[in-house]
Amino acid sequence: MNHNGQLASHLGVFNSGASLGGKVEQYRDKQKIYTQGEPALTLFYIQHGGVRLTTRSKGQPSAVTAILGVHDFFGEVCLAGYPLRMSTAVAMTGSSIRTIKKGKMLQLLRKKNLASNALVNYLLSSLKKYQDHVADLLTSNAEQRLARVLLRLAHLEKDGSASAQVPMVSHQILAEMVGTTRPRVNLFMNRFRKRGFIHYDGILVVHKSLRKVLRNN
């Protein structure tokens, strides 16, 4: 699911990404950044655009595990010693992404300054979000899981703005993230719209009132 990009933005230490070093590269819509199983020697920081992560298990179709946006890191599991990529990363739109060598980031972490503290907090927050996602799959119904995905994409899981835009994500991708079918996602999205929890106006806007779905089901 979407990492806490608001953390880096709030602290102001990674906004430009320059303090992270590395090289900024441009990616086209749907261009692959890396593939599951490749050597993991770098991590990435999104300065513009968005990225989708998918994971494939043996004998199973690929599943969407995260939708990421500006100020998010990905590929960071290499810092924990994993030698291979655990997912496939694809740009969701034209994107500017900074590539950072694993060694460089480990040096930053050892400095114990504002930037390193921010990164540690970010990584811990990311781990908790992955754990929460697994718990959702085990304990919530499909409609609740879709509501949580939309709230997270809009950064409305907790107190904050009354509404927010979400990245352009197809119903098929939402279905893969939720663990259901596209027709059911279509059904739930229409239900959310009729109840005023979301609305379309060329873009998708999510209202925090969508949290009612988590309480009512």
N, C-alpha and C. Protein backbone atom coordinates (compact mmCIF):
# COMPACT_ATOMS: atom_id res chain seq x y z
N MET A 1 0.82 -1.16 0.00
CA MET A 1 0.00 0.00 0.00
C MET A 1 0.88 1.24 0.00
N ASN A 2 0.20 2.48 -0.10
CA ASN A 2 0.99 3.69 -0.19
C ASN A 2 1.75 3.94 1.10
N HIS A 3 3.08 4.17 0.95
CA HIS A 3 3.92 4.48 2.11
C HIS A 3 3.60 5.87 2.61
N ASN A 4 4.16 6.25 3.75
CA ASN A 4 3.86 7.54 4.35
C ASN A 4 4.74 8.63 3.75
N GLY A 5 4.42 9.03 2.51
CA GLY A 5 5.19 10.09 1.87
C GLY A 5 5.06 11.40 2.61
N GLN A 6 3.99 11.57 3.38
CA GLN A 6 3.79 12.81 4.13
C GLN A 6 4.89 13.01 5.17
N LEU A 7 5.49 11.93 5.65
CA LEU A 7 6.55 12.05 6.66
C LEU A 7 7.73 12.83 6.13
N ALA A 8 8.25 12.40 4.97
CA ALA A 8 9.40 13.09 4.40
C ALA A 8 9.05 14.53 4.05
N SER A 9 7.84 14.74 3.53
CA SER A 9 7.43 16.09 3.16
C SER A 9 7.36 16.98 4.39
N HIS A 10 6.82 16.46 5.48
CA HIS A 10 6.67 17.25 6.71
C HIS A 10 8.03 17.65 7.26
N LEU A 11 8.97 16.74 7.29
CA LEU A 11 10.28 17.06 7.85
C LEU A 11 11.10 17.96 6.92
N GLY A 12 10.79 17.92 5.64
CA GLY A 12 11.48 18.80 4.71
C GLY A 12 12.89 18.38 4.38
N VAL A 13 13.31 17.18 4.80
CA VAL A 13 14.70 16.80 4.59
C VAL A 13 14.92 16.08 3.27
N PHE A 14 13.85 15.55 2.67
CA PHE A 14 14.01 14.80 1.43
C PHE A 14 13.28 15.43 0.26
N ASN A 15 12.70 16.63 0.44
CA ASN A 15 11.85 17.18 -0.60
C ASN A 15 12.54 17.27 -1.95
N SER A 16 13.74 17.78 -2.00
CA SER A 16 14.45 17.88 -3.27
C SER A 16 15.14 16.58 -3.63
N GLY A 17 15.41 15.76 -2.61
CA GLY A 17 16.11 14.49 -2.84
C GLY A 17 17.61 14.67 -3.00
N ALA A 18 18.08 15.92 -3.08
CA ALA A 18 19.50 16.15 -3.34
C ALA A 18 20.39 15.59 -2.23
N SER A 19 19.90 15.65 -0.98
CA SER A 19 20.71 15.17 0.14
C SER A 19 20.93 13.66 0.09
N LEU A 20 20.16 12.98 -0.74
CA LEU A 20 20.28 11.52 -0.84
C LEU A 20 21.35 11.09 -1.83
N GLY A 21 21.82 12.03 -2.65
CA GLY A 21 22.81 11.66 -3.66
C GLY A 21 22.16 10.86 -4.77
N GLY A 22 22.97 10.12 -5.50
CA GLY A 22 22.46 9.29 -6.57
C GLY A 22 22.12 10.08 -7.82
N LYS A 23 21.43 9.43 -8.73
CA LYS A 23 21.13 10.00 -10.04
C LYS A 23 19.63 9.98 -10.29
N VAL A 24 19.12 11.08 -10.83
CA VAL A 24 17.69 11.16 -11.17
C VAL A 24 17.49 10.70 -12.62
N GLU A 25 16.56 9.78 -12.81
CA GLU A 25 16.24 9.28 -14.14
C GLU A 25 14.76 9.48 -14.43
N GLN A 26 14.45 9.61 -15.72
CA GLN A 26 13.07 9.81 -16.16
C GLN A 26 12.50 8.49 -16.69
N TYR A 27 11.27 8.20 -16.29
CA TYR A 27 10.61 6.98 -16.74
C TYR A 27 9.29 7.33 -17.42
N ARG A 28 8.98 6.58 -18.46
CA ARG A 28 7.72 6.76 -19.18
C ARG A 28 6.59 6.00 -18.49
N ASP A 29 5.38 6.35 -18.82
CA ASP A 29 4.21 5.61 -18.34
C ASP A 29 4.35 4.14 -18.69
N LYS A 30 4.18 3.26 -17.71
CA LYS A 30 4.24 1.80 -17.84
C LYS A 30 5.65 1.26 -18.09
N GLN A 31 6.68 2.10 -17.95
CA GLN A 31 8.04 1.61 -18.11
C GLN A 31 8.49 0.87 -16.87
N LYS A 32 9.11 -0.28 -17.06
CA LYS A 32 9.56 -1.11 -15.94
C LYS A 32 10.84 -0.52 -15.35
N ILE A 33 10.89 -0.44 -14.03
CA ILE A 33 12.05 0.10 -13.32
C ILE A 33 12.97 -1.04 -12.88
N TYR A 34 12.39 -2.08 -12.33
CA TYR A 34 13.14 -3.31 -12.07
C TYR A 34 12.18 -4.48 -12.00
N THR A 35 12.72 -5.69 -12.05
CA THR A 35 11.92 -6.91 -12.10
C THR A 35 12.21 -7.78 -10.89
N GLN A 36 11.18 -8.41 -10.36
CA GLN A 36 11.33 -9.34 -9.24
C GLN A 36 12.38 -10.40 -9.57
N GLY A 37 13.29 -10.63 -8.60
CA GLY A 37 14.35 -11.63 -8.79
C GLY A 37 15.67 -11.06 -9.24
N GLU A 38 15.70 -9.80 -9.69
CA GLU A 38 16.96 -9.17 -10.08
C GLU A 38 17.79 -8.82 -8.84
N PRO A 39 19.12 -8.67 -8.98
CA PRO A 39 19.95 -8.25 -7.83
C PRO A 39 19.47 -6.92 -7.27
N ALA A 40 19.44 -6.80 -5.95
CA ALA A 40 18.97 -5.58 -5.27
C ALA A 40 20.16 -4.83 -4.71
N LEU A 41 20.65 -3.88 -5.48
CA LEU A 41 21.84 -3.12 -5.09
C LEU A 41 21.54 -1.63 -4.88
N THR A 42 20.31 -1.22 -5.17
CA THR A 42 19.93 0.19 -5.06
C THR A 42 18.52 0.30 -4.50
N LEU A 43 18.20 1.51 -4.03
CA LEU A 43 16.82 1.83 -3.69
C LEU A 43 16.45 3.12 -4.40
N PHE A 44 15.18 3.50 -4.32
CA PHE A 44 14.67 4.57 -5.16
C PHE A 44 13.81 5.54 -4.36
N TYR A 45 13.81 6.79 -4.83
CA TYR A 45 13.03 7.86 -4.20
C TYR A 45 12.26 8.58 -5.29
N ILE A 46 10.94 8.68 -5.15
CA ILE A 46 10.10 9.29 -6.18
C ILE A 46 10.03 10.80 -5.98
N GLN A 47 10.51 11.55 -6.96
CA GLN A 47 10.45 13.01 -6.90
C GLN A 47 9.26 13.56 -7.68
N HIS A 48 8.81 12.80 -8.66
CA HIS A 48 7.61 13.18 -9.43
C HIS A 48 7.02 11.92 -10.03
N GLY A 49 5.68 11.82 -10.02
CA GLY A 49 5.04 10.69 -10.65
C GLY A 49 4.55 9.65 -9.67
N GLY A 50 4.47 8.40 -10.13
CA GLY A 50 3.97 7.32 -9.29
C GLY A 50 4.49 5.97 -9.77
N VAL A 51 4.47 5.01 -8.86
CA VAL A 51 5.02 3.68 -9.13
C VAL A 51 4.09 2.61 -8.58
N ARG A 52 3.94 1.52 -9.32
CA ARG A 52 3.17 0.37 -8.86
C ARG A 52 4.10 -0.80 -8.61
N LEU A 53 3.97 -1.45 -7.46
CA LEU A 53 4.75 -2.64 -7.14
C LEU A 53 3.85 -3.87 -7.24
N THR A 54 4.34 -4.91 -7.90
CA THR A 54 3.62 -6.17 -7.98
C THR A 54 4.55 -7.31 -7.57
N THR A 55 3.97 -8.34 -6.99
CA THR A 55 4.73 -9.50 -6.54
C THR A 55 4.07 -10.76 -7.09
N ARG A 56 4.88 -11.70 -7.55
CA ARG A 56 4.37 -12.96 -8.09
C ARG A 56 4.90 -14.12 -7.25
N SER A 57 3.99 -14.98 -6.80
CA SER A 57 4.36 -16.21 -6.11
C SER A 57 4.29 -17.36 -7.10
N LYS A 58 5.03 -18.42 -6.84
CA LYS A 58 5.09 -19.56 -7.75
C LYS A 58 3.69 -20.12 -7.99
N GLY A 59 3.32 -20.22 -9.26
CA GLY A 59 2.03 -20.77 -9.62
C GLY A 59 0.86 -19.83 -9.44
N GLN A 60 1.13 -18.57 -9.06
CA GLN A 60 0.07 -17.60 -8.81
C GLN A 60 0.25 -16.38 -9.72
N PRO A 61 -0.85 -15.70 -10.07
CA PRO A 61 -0.72 -14.46 -10.87
C PRO A 61 -0.10 -13.34 -10.03
N SER A 62 0.39 -12.32 -10.70
CA SER A 62 0.98 -11.17 -9.99
C SER A 62 -0.09 -10.46 -9.18
N ALA A 63 0.30 -9.95 -8.02
CA ALA A 63 -0.61 -9.21 -7.15
C ALA A 63 -0.01 -7.83 -6.89
N VAL A 64 -0.84 -6.80 -6.96
CA VAL A 64 -0.38 -5.44 -6.64
C VAL A 64 -0.21 -5.32 -5.14
N THR A 65 0.99 -4.94 -4.70
CA THR A 65 1.26 -4.82 -3.28
C THR A 65 1.39 -3.38 -2.81
N ALA A 66 1.59 -2.43 -3.73
CA ALA A 66 1.72 -1.03 -3.31
C ALA A 66 1.53 -0.10 -4.49
N ILE A 67 0.93 1.05 -4.21
CA ILE A 67 0.87 2.18 -5.14
C ILE A 67 1.60 3.32 -4.44
N LEU A 68 2.64 3.82 -5.05
CA LEU A 68 3.51 4.81 -4.41
C LEU A 68 3.49 6.13 -5.17
N GLY A 69 3.76 7.22 -4.43
CA GLY A 69 3.76 8.54 -5.05
C GLY A 69 4.94 9.38 -4.61
N VAL A 70 4.83 10.68 -4.83
CA VAL A 70 5.91 11.63 -4.54
C VAL A 70 6.35 11.53 -3.08
N HIS A 71 7.66 11.53 -2.85
CA HIS A 71 8.33 11.44 -1.55
C HIS A 71 8.37 10.01 -0.99
N ASP A 72 7.92 9.04 -1.77
CA ASP A 72 8.00 7.65 -1.31
C ASP A 72 9.32 7.02 -1.76
N PHE A 73 9.82 6.10 -0.93
CA PHE A 73 10.94 5.24 -1.27
C PHE A 73 10.39 3.89 -1.71
N PHE A 74 11.16 3.17 -2.51
CA PHE A 74 10.85 1.77 -2.77
C PHE A 74 12.15 1.03 -3.10
N GLY A 75 12.10 -0.30 -2.99
CA GLY A 75 13.32 -1.09 -3.13
C GLY A 75 14.17 -1.05 -1.87
N GLU A 76 13.59 -0.51 -0.78
CA GLU A 76 14.38 -0.30 0.44
C GLU A 76 14.68 -1.59 1.20
N VAL A 77 14.04 -2.71 0.83
CA VAL A 77 14.33 -3.96 1.54
C VAL A 77 15.77 -4.42 1.33
N CYS A 78 16.45 -3.86 0.33
CA CYS A 78 17.86 -4.20 0.14
C CYS A 78 18.68 -3.79 1.35
N LEU A 79 18.21 -2.79 2.10
CA LEU A 79 18.94 -2.34 3.29
C LEU A 79 18.91 -3.38 4.39
N ALA A 80 17.95 -4.30 4.33
CA ALA A 80 17.84 -5.36 5.34
C ALA A 80 18.61 -6.60 4.93
N GLY A 81 19.36 -6.52 3.83
CA GLY A 81 20.21 -7.64 3.42
C GLY A 81 19.61 -8.57 2.39
N TYR A 82 18.41 -8.25 1.87
CA TYR A 82 17.82 -9.10 0.84
C TYR A 82 18.60 -8.91 -0.46
N PRO A 83 19.15 -9.98 -1.04
CA PRO A 83 20.01 -9.84 -2.22
C PRO A 83 19.25 -9.65 -3.52
N LEU A 84 17.95 -10.01 -3.55
CA LEU A 84 17.18 -9.96 -4.79
C LEU A 84 15.93 -9.09 -4.61
N ARG A 85 15.46 -8.52 -5.73
CA ARG A 85 14.23 -7.74 -5.70
C ARG A 85 13.07 -8.65 -5.33
N MET A 86 12.22 -8.18 -4.42
CA MET A 86 11.08 -8.97 -3.98
C MET A 86 9.80 -8.59 -4.71
N SER A 87 9.90 -7.63 -5.64
CA SER A 87 8.73 -7.20 -6.40
C SER A 87 9.20 -6.66 -7.74
N THR A 88 8.23 -6.36 -8.59
CA THR A 88 8.49 -5.69 -9.87
C THR A 88 7.93 -4.27 -9.76
N ALA A 89 8.72 -3.29 -10.16
CA ALA A 89 8.31 -1.88 -10.06
C ALA A 89 8.10 -1.31 -11.46
N VAL A 90 6.94 -0.66 -11.66
CA VAL A 90 6.59 -0.08 -12.96
C VAL A 90 6.07 1.33 -12.74
N ALA A 91 6.52 2.27 -13.57
CA ALA A 91 6.03 3.64 -13.49
C ALA A 91 4.57 3.70 -13.91
N MET A 92 3.75 4.42 -13.15
CA MET A 92 2.32 4.54 -13.46
C MET A 92 2.03 5.74 -14.35
N THR A 93 3.00 6.62 -14.47
CA THR A 93 2.88 7.81 -15.31
C THR A 93 4.30 8.29 -15.57
N GLY A 94 4.49 9.36 -16.32
CA GLY A 94 5.82 9.91 -16.47
C GLY A 94 6.38 10.29 -15.10
N SER A 95 7.56 9.78 -14.76
CA SER A 95 8.06 9.92 -13.39
C SER A 95 9.53 10.28 -13.36
N SER A 96 9.90 11.09 -12.36
CA SER A 96 11.30 11.39 -12.07
C SER A 96 11.68 10.65 -10.79
N ILE A 97 12.64 9.74 -10.89
CA ILE A 97 12.97 8.85 -9.78
C ILE A 97 14.47 8.87 -9.53
N ARG A 98 14.84 9.08 -8.28
CA ARG A 98 16.25 9.11 -7.89
C ARG A 98 16.69 7.71 -7.50
N THR A 99 17.77 7.25 -8.10
CA THR A 99 18.36 5.95 -7.77
C THR A 99 19.51 6.16 -6.79
N ILE A 100 19.47 5.46 -5.66
CA ILE A 100 20.47 5.63 -4.60
C ILE A 100 21.14 4.29 -4.32
N LYS A 101 22.45 4.28 -4.31
CA LYS A 101 23.17 3.04 -4.03
C LYS A 101 22.97 2.62 -2.58
N LYS A 102 22.85 1.32 -2.39
CA LYS A 102 22.65 0.76 -1.05
C LYS A 102 23.72 1.26 -0.07
N GLY A 103 24.98 1.24 -0.49
CA GLY A 103 26.08 1.65 0.38
C GLY A 103 25.95 3.10 0.81
N LYS A 104 25.54 3.97 -0.12
CA LYS A 104 25.35 5.38 0.19
C LYS A 104 24.27 5.56 1.24
N MET A 105 23.18 4.84 1.12
CA MET A 105 22.09 4.98 2.08
C MET A 105 22.48 4.44 3.44
N LEU A 106 23.23 3.36 3.47
CA LEU A 106 23.68 2.82 4.75
C LEU A 106 24.61 3.81 5.46
N GLN A 107 25.44 4.53 4.69
CA GLN A 107 26.28 5.57 5.28
C GLN A 107 25.43 6.67 5.90
N LEU A 108 24.36 7.05 5.20
CA LEU A 108 23.46 8.09 5.71
C LEU A 108 22.82 7.64 7.01
N LEU A 109 22.39 6.39 7.07
CA LEU A 109 21.74 5.87 8.27
C LEU A 109 22.66 5.88 9.48
N ARG A 110 23.94 5.67 9.25
CA ARG A 110 24.90 5.61 10.37
C ARG A 110 25.23 6.98 10.94
N LYS A 111 24.88 8.06 10.26
CA LYS A 111 25.23 9.40 10.72
C LYS A 111 24.38 9.88 11.89
N LYS A 112 23.19 9.30 12.06
CA LYS A 112 22.31 9.64 13.18
C LYS A 112 22.01 11.14 13.24
N ASN A 113 21.59 11.69 12.12
CA ASN A 113 21.18 13.10 12.08
C ASN A 113 19.71 13.17 11.70
N LEU A 114 19.21 14.37 11.38
CA LEU A 114 17.80 14.55 11.07
C LEU A 114 17.38 13.68 9.89
N ALA A 115 18.21 13.64 8.85
CA ALA A 115 17.87 12.86 7.66
C ALA A 115 17.82 11.37 7.96
N SER A 116 18.80 10.87 8.71
CA SER A 116 18.81 9.43 9.02
C SER A 116 17.65 9.05 9.92
N ASN A 117 17.32 9.92 10.88
CA ASN A 117 16.17 9.65 11.76
C ASN A 117 14.87 9.62 10.96
N ALA A 118 14.75 10.54 10.00
CA ALA A 118 13.55 10.57 9.16
C ALA A 118 13.42 9.29 8.36
N LEU A 119 14.54 8.81 7.82
CA LEU A 119 14.50 7.60 7.02
C LEU A 119 14.14 6.38 7.87
N VAL A 120 14.72 6.29 9.06
CA VAL A 120 14.39 5.17 9.96
C VAL A 120 12.90 5.19 10.30
N ASN A 121 12.36 6.36 10.63
CA ASN A 121 10.94 6.47 10.93
C ASN A 121 10.09 6.07 9.73
N TYR A 122 10.54 6.48 8.55
CA TYR A 122 9.82 6.13 7.33
C TYR A 122 9.79 4.62 7.13
N LEU A 123 10.93 3.95 7.28
CA LEU A 123 11.01 2.51 7.08
C LEU A 123 10.16 1.76 8.08
N LEU A 124 10.17 2.22 9.33
CA LEU A 124 9.33 1.57 10.35
C LEU A 124 7.85 1.76 10.04
N SER A 125 7.50 2.96 9.57
CA SER A 125 6.11 3.22 9.18
C SER A 125 5.71 2.34 8.01
N SER A 126 6.62 2.14 7.06
CA SER A 126 6.34 1.29 5.90
C SER A 126 6.08 -0.14 6.33
N LEU A 127 6.89 -0.64 7.25
CA LEU A 127 6.73 -2.01 7.75
C LEU A 127 5.37 -2.18 8.40
N LYS A 128 4.95 -1.20 9.20
CA LYS A 128 3.65 -1.30 9.86
C LYS A 128 2.51 -1.29 8.84
N LYS A 129 2.64 -0.50 7.77
CA LYS A 129 1.60 -0.47 6.77
C LYS A 129 1.47 -1.80 6.05
N TYR A 130 2.60 -2.47 5.78
CA TYR A 130 2.55 -3.78 5.16
C TYR A 130 1.87 -4.78 6.10
N GLN A 131 2.20 -4.70 7.38
CA GLN A 131 1.57 -5.60 8.36
C GLN A 131 0.07 -5.33 8.45
N ASP A 132 -0.32 -4.06 8.44
CA ASP A 132 -1.75 -3.71 8.49
C ASP A 132 -2.48 -4.24 7.25
N HIS A 133 -1.81 -4.18 6.10
CA HIS A 133 -2.42 -4.67 4.87
C HIS A 133 -2.70 -6.16 4.96
N VAL A 134 -1.74 -6.91 5.48
CA VAL A 134 -1.94 -8.36 5.64
C VAL A 134 -3.09 -8.63 6.60
N ALA A 135 -3.15 -7.87 7.70
CA ALA A 135 -4.24 -8.04 8.67
C ALA A 135 -5.59 -7.74 8.02
N ASP A 136 -5.64 -6.72 7.15
CA ASP A 136 -6.89 -6.39 6.46
C ASP A 136 -7.37 -7.55 5.59
N LEU A 137 -6.43 -8.18 4.89
CA LEU A 137 -6.80 -9.29 4.02
C LEU A 137 -7.40 -10.45 4.81
N LEU A 138 -6.95 -10.60 6.06
CA LEU A 138 -7.39 -11.73 6.87
C LEU A 138 -8.68 -11.45 7.63
N THR A 139 -8.94 -10.19 7.96
CA THR A 139 -10.05 -9.90 8.88
C THR A 139 -11.18 -9.05 8.30
N SER A 140 -11.00 -8.43 7.14
CA SER A 140 -12.01 -7.52 6.60
C SER A 140 -12.66 -8.10 5.35
N ASN A 141 -13.90 -7.67 5.07
CA ASN A 141 -14.54 -8.09 3.83
C ASN A 141 -14.03 -7.21 2.68
N ALA A 142 -14.38 -7.56 1.45
CA ALA A 142 -13.83 -6.89 0.28
C ALA A 142 -14.20 -5.41 0.23
N GLU A 143 -15.42 -5.06 0.63
CA GLU A 143 -15.83 -3.65 0.60
C GLU A 143 -15.00 -2.83 1.59
N GLN A 144 -14.76 -3.36 2.76
CA GLN A 144 -13.93 -2.67 3.76
C GLN A 144 -12.50 -2.54 3.27
N ARG A 145 -11.99 -3.60 2.64
CA ARG A 145 -10.60 -3.53 2.15
C ARG A 145 -10.46 -2.47 1.07
N LEU A 146 -11.46 -2.36 0.19
CA LEU A 146 -11.41 -1.32 -0.84
C LEU A 146 -11.46 0.07 -0.21
N ALA A 147 -12.30 0.24 0.79
CA ALA A 147 -12.38 1.53 1.48
C ALA A 147 -11.03 1.90 2.08
N ARG A 148 -10.37 0.93 2.71
CA ARG A 148 -9.06 1.21 3.33
C ARG A 148 -8.02 1.57 2.28
N VAL A 149 -8.03 0.87 1.14
CA VAL A 149 -7.07 1.18 0.08
C VAL A 149 -7.27 2.62 -0.40
N LEU A 150 -8.51 3.02 -0.63
CA LEU A 150 -8.78 4.38 -1.11
C LEU A 150 -8.39 5.43 -0.07
N LEU A 151 -8.68 5.15 1.19
CA LEU A 151 -8.32 6.09 2.25
C LEU A 151 -6.80 6.23 2.37
N ARG A 152 -6.09 5.13 2.21
CA ARG A 152 -4.63 5.20 2.29
C ARG A 152 -4.04 5.94 1.10
N LEU A 153 -4.58 5.68 -0.09
CA LEU A 153 -4.09 6.39 -1.27
C LEU A 153 -4.32 7.89 -1.14
N ALA A 154 -5.38 8.27 -0.43
CA ALA A 154 -5.70 9.69 -0.23
C ALA A 154 -5.10 10.25 1.05
N HIS A 155 -4.37 9.40 1.81
CA HIS A 155 -3.79 9.80 3.10
C HIS A 155 -4.87 10.29 4.06
N LEU A 156 -6.00 9.59 4.10
CA LEU A 156 -7.11 9.98 4.97
C LEU A 156 -7.43 8.91 6.00
N GLU A 157 -6.46 8.02 6.30
CA GLU A 157 -6.73 6.94 7.27
C GLU A 157 -7.04 7.51 8.65
N LYS A 158 -6.40 8.64 8.98
CA LYS A 158 -6.57 9.25 10.30
C LYS A 158 -7.09 10.67 10.13
N ASP A 159 -7.06 11.44 11.19
CA ASP A 159 -7.55 12.82 11.11
C ASP A 159 -6.74 13.61 10.09
N GLY A 160 -7.41 14.50 9.42
CA GLY A 160 -6.73 15.31 8.42
C GLY A 160 -7.74 16.05 7.57
N SER A 161 -7.43 16.22 6.30
CA SER A 161 -8.32 16.94 5.39
C SER A 161 -9.65 16.22 5.24
N ALA A 162 -10.66 16.97 4.83
CA ALA A 162 -11.98 16.38 4.64
C ALA A 162 -12.04 15.52 3.39
N SER A 163 -11.19 15.83 2.41
CA SER A 163 -11.16 15.05 1.18
C SER A 163 -9.80 15.23 0.51
N ALA A 164 -9.51 14.34 -0.44
CA ALA A 164 -8.24 14.42 -1.15
C ALA A 164 -8.33 13.63 -2.44
N GLN A 165 -7.54 14.03 -3.42
CA GLN A 165 -7.46 13.30 -4.67
C GLN A 165 -6.62 12.03 -4.46
N VAL A 166 -6.87 11.03 -5.28
CA VAL A 166 -6.06 9.82 -5.24
C VAL A 166 -5.41 9.63 -6.61
N PRO A 167 -4.30 8.90 -6.68
CA PRO A 167 -3.67 8.64 -7.98
C PRO A 167 -4.63 7.92 -8.92
N MET A 168 -4.40 8.07 -10.22
CA MET A 168 -5.22 7.40 -11.21
C MET A 168 -4.90 5.90 -11.19
N VAL A 169 -5.82 5.12 -10.68
CA VAL A 169 -5.64 3.68 -10.55
C VAL A 169 -6.87 3.00 -11.16
N SER A 170 -6.65 2.03 -12.04
CA SER A 170 -7.77 1.35 -12.68
C SER A 170 -8.49 0.45 -11.69
N HIS A 171 -9.73 0.11 -12.01
CA HIS A 171 -10.49 -0.78 -11.15
C HIS A 171 -9.86 -2.17 -11.11
N GLN A 172 -9.19 -2.57 -12.19
CA GLN A 172 -8.52 -3.86 -12.19
C GLN A 172 -7.38 -3.88 -11.17
N ILE A 173 -6.61 -2.80 -11.11
CA ILE A 173 -5.50 -2.72 -10.14
C ILE A 173 -6.05 -2.68 -8.73
N LEU A 174 -7.13 -1.92 -8.52
CA LEU A 174 -7.75 -1.89 -7.20
C LEU A 174 -8.23 -3.29 -6.80
N ALA A 175 -8.77 -4.03 -7.76
CA ALA A 175 -9.23 -5.39 -7.47
C ALA A 175 -8.08 -6.28 -7.04
N GLU A 176 -6.93 -6.13 -7.69
CA GLU A 176 -5.76 -6.92 -7.33
C GLU A 176 -5.25 -6.55 -5.95
N MET A 177 -5.32 -5.27 -5.61
CA MET A 177 -4.87 -4.83 -4.29
C MET A 177 -5.80 -5.32 -3.19
N VAL A 178 -7.10 -5.37 -3.51
CA VAL A 178 -8.09 -5.74 -2.51
C VAL A 178 -8.24 -7.25 -2.39
N GLY A 179 -7.93 -7.97 -3.48
CA GLY A 179 -8.10 -9.41 -3.47
C GLY A 179 -9.52 -9.80 -3.84
N THR A 180 -10.08 -9.12 -4.87
CA THR A 180 -11.43 -9.43 -5.33
C THR A 180 -11.46 -9.26 -6.84
N THR A 181 -12.65 -9.22 -7.42
CA THR A 181 -12.78 -9.10 -8.87
C THR A 181 -13.11 -7.66 -9.27
N ARG A 182 -12.85 -7.34 -10.54
CA ARG A 182 -13.16 -6.00 -11.02
C ARG A 182 -14.65 -5.68 -10.97
N PRO A 183 -15.55 -6.62 -11.33
CA PRO A 183 -16.99 -6.31 -11.21
C PRO A 183 -17.40 -5.94 -9.79
N ARG A 184 -16.81 -6.60 -8.79
CA ARG A 184 -17.15 -6.25 -7.41
C ARG A 184 -16.62 -4.87 -7.04
N VAL A 185 -15.42 -4.54 -7.52
CA VAL A 185 -14.89 -3.19 -7.29
C VAL A 185 -15.81 -2.16 -7.93
N ASN A 186 -16.27 -2.43 -9.16
CA ASN A 186 -17.21 -1.52 -9.83
C ASN A 186 -18.46 -1.32 -8.97
N LEU A 187 -18.98 -2.42 -8.43
CA LEU A 187 -20.17 -2.36 -7.58
C LEU A 187 -19.94 -1.50 -6.35
N PHE A 188 -18.81 -1.74 -5.67
CA PHE A 188 -18.51 -0.99 -4.44
C PHE A 188 -18.26 0.48 -4.74
N MET A 189 -17.55 0.77 -5.83
CA MET A 189 -17.26 2.17 -6.17
C MET A 189 -18.56 2.93 -6.46
N ASN A 190 -19.49 2.30 -7.18
CA ASN A 190 -20.78 2.95 -7.44
C ASN A 190 -21.55 3.17 -6.14
N ARG A 191 -21.46 2.20 -5.24
CA ARG A 191 -22.13 2.34 -3.94
C ARG A 191 -21.52 3.49 -3.15
N PHE A 192 -20.17 3.59 -3.14
CA PHE A 192 -19.51 4.68 -2.44
C PHE A 192 -19.92 6.03 -3.03
N ARG A 193 -20.01 6.09 -4.36
CA ARG A 193 -20.36 7.35 -5.02
C ARG A 193 -21.79 7.77 -4.65
N LYS A 194 -22.72 6.83 -4.66
CA LYS A 194 -24.11 7.15 -4.35
C LYS A 194 -24.27 7.61 -2.91
N ARG A 195 -23.40 7.11 -2.02
CA ARG A 195 -23.48 7.51 -0.61
C ARG A 195 -22.67 8.78 -0.32
N GLY A 196 -22.03 9.35 -1.35
CA GLY A 196 -21.29 10.60 -1.19
C GLY A 196 -19.91 10.44 -0.60
N PHE A 197 -19.39 9.20 -0.56
CA PHE A 197 -18.06 8.96 0.01
C PHE A 197 -16.95 9.29 -0.97
N ILE A 198 -17.25 9.21 -2.28
CA ILE A 198 -16.28 9.55 -3.32
C ILE A 198 -17.04 10.29 -4.41
N HIS A 199 -16.31 10.98 -5.28
CA HIS A 199 -16.94 11.53 -6.47
C HIS A 199 -15.92 11.65 -7.59
N TYR A 200 -16.44 11.61 -8.82
CA TYR A 200 -15.62 11.72 -10.01
C TYR A 200 -15.89 13.05 -10.68
N ASP A 201 -14.83 13.73 -11.06
CA ASP A 201 -14.94 14.96 -11.83
C ASP A 201 -13.70 15.06 -12.71
N GLY A 202 -13.50 14.03 -13.53
CA GLY A 202 -12.27 13.92 -14.29
C GLY A 202 -11.16 13.29 -13.46
N ILE A 203 -11.23 13.42 -12.15
CA ILE A 203 -10.32 12.79 -11.21
C ILE A 203 -11.15 12.15 -10.11
N LEU A 204 -10.54 11.27 -9.36
CA LEU A 204 -11.24 10.63 -8.26
C LEU A 204 -10.90 11.36 -6.96
N VAL A 205 -11.92 11.78 -6.24
CA VAL A 205 -11.75 12.45 -4.94
C VAL A 205 -12.39 11.57 -3.88
N VAL A 206 -11.64 11.33 -2.82
CA VAL A 206 -12.13 10.51 -1.70
C VAL A 206 -12.41 11.42 -0.51
N HIS A 207 -13.55 11.22 0.14
CA HIS A 207 -13.91 11.98 1.33
C HIS A 207 -13.67 11.11 2.57
N LYS A 208 -13.26 11.74 3.66
CA LYS A 208 -12.97 10.97 4.85
C LYS A 208 -14.21 10.30 5.44
N SER A 209 -15.39 10.70 4.98
CA SER A 209 -16.62 10.03 5.40
C SER A 209 -16.64 8.57 4.96
N LEU A 210 -15.76 8.20 4.03
CA LEU A 210 -15.64 6.80 3.61
C LEU A 210 -15.28 5.89 4.77
N ARG A 211 -14.71 6.48 5.83
CA ARG A 211 -14.36 5.67 7.01
C ARG A 211 -15.58 5.04 7.66
N LYS A 212 -16.78 5.55 7.36
CA LYS A 212 -17.99 4.96 7.90
C LYS A 212 -18.15 3.50 7.46
N VAL A 213 -17.64 3.17 6.28
CA VAL A 213 -17.72 1.80 5.79
C VAL A 213 -16.98 0.85 6.71
N LEU A 214 -15.90 1.32 7.31
CA LEU A 214 -15.10 0.47 8.20
C LEU A 214 -15.83 0.19 9.49
N ARG A 215 -16.72 1.09 9.88
CA ARG A 215 -17.46 0.91 11.14
C ARG A 215 -18.79 0.19 10.96
N ASN A 216 -19.39 0.38 9.78
CA ASN A 216 -20.76 -0.11 9.59
C ASN A 216 -20.84 -1.56 9.17
N ASN A 217 -19.77 -2.08 8.51
CA ASN A 217 -19.84 -3.46 8.02
C ASN A 217 -19.42 -4.45 9.07
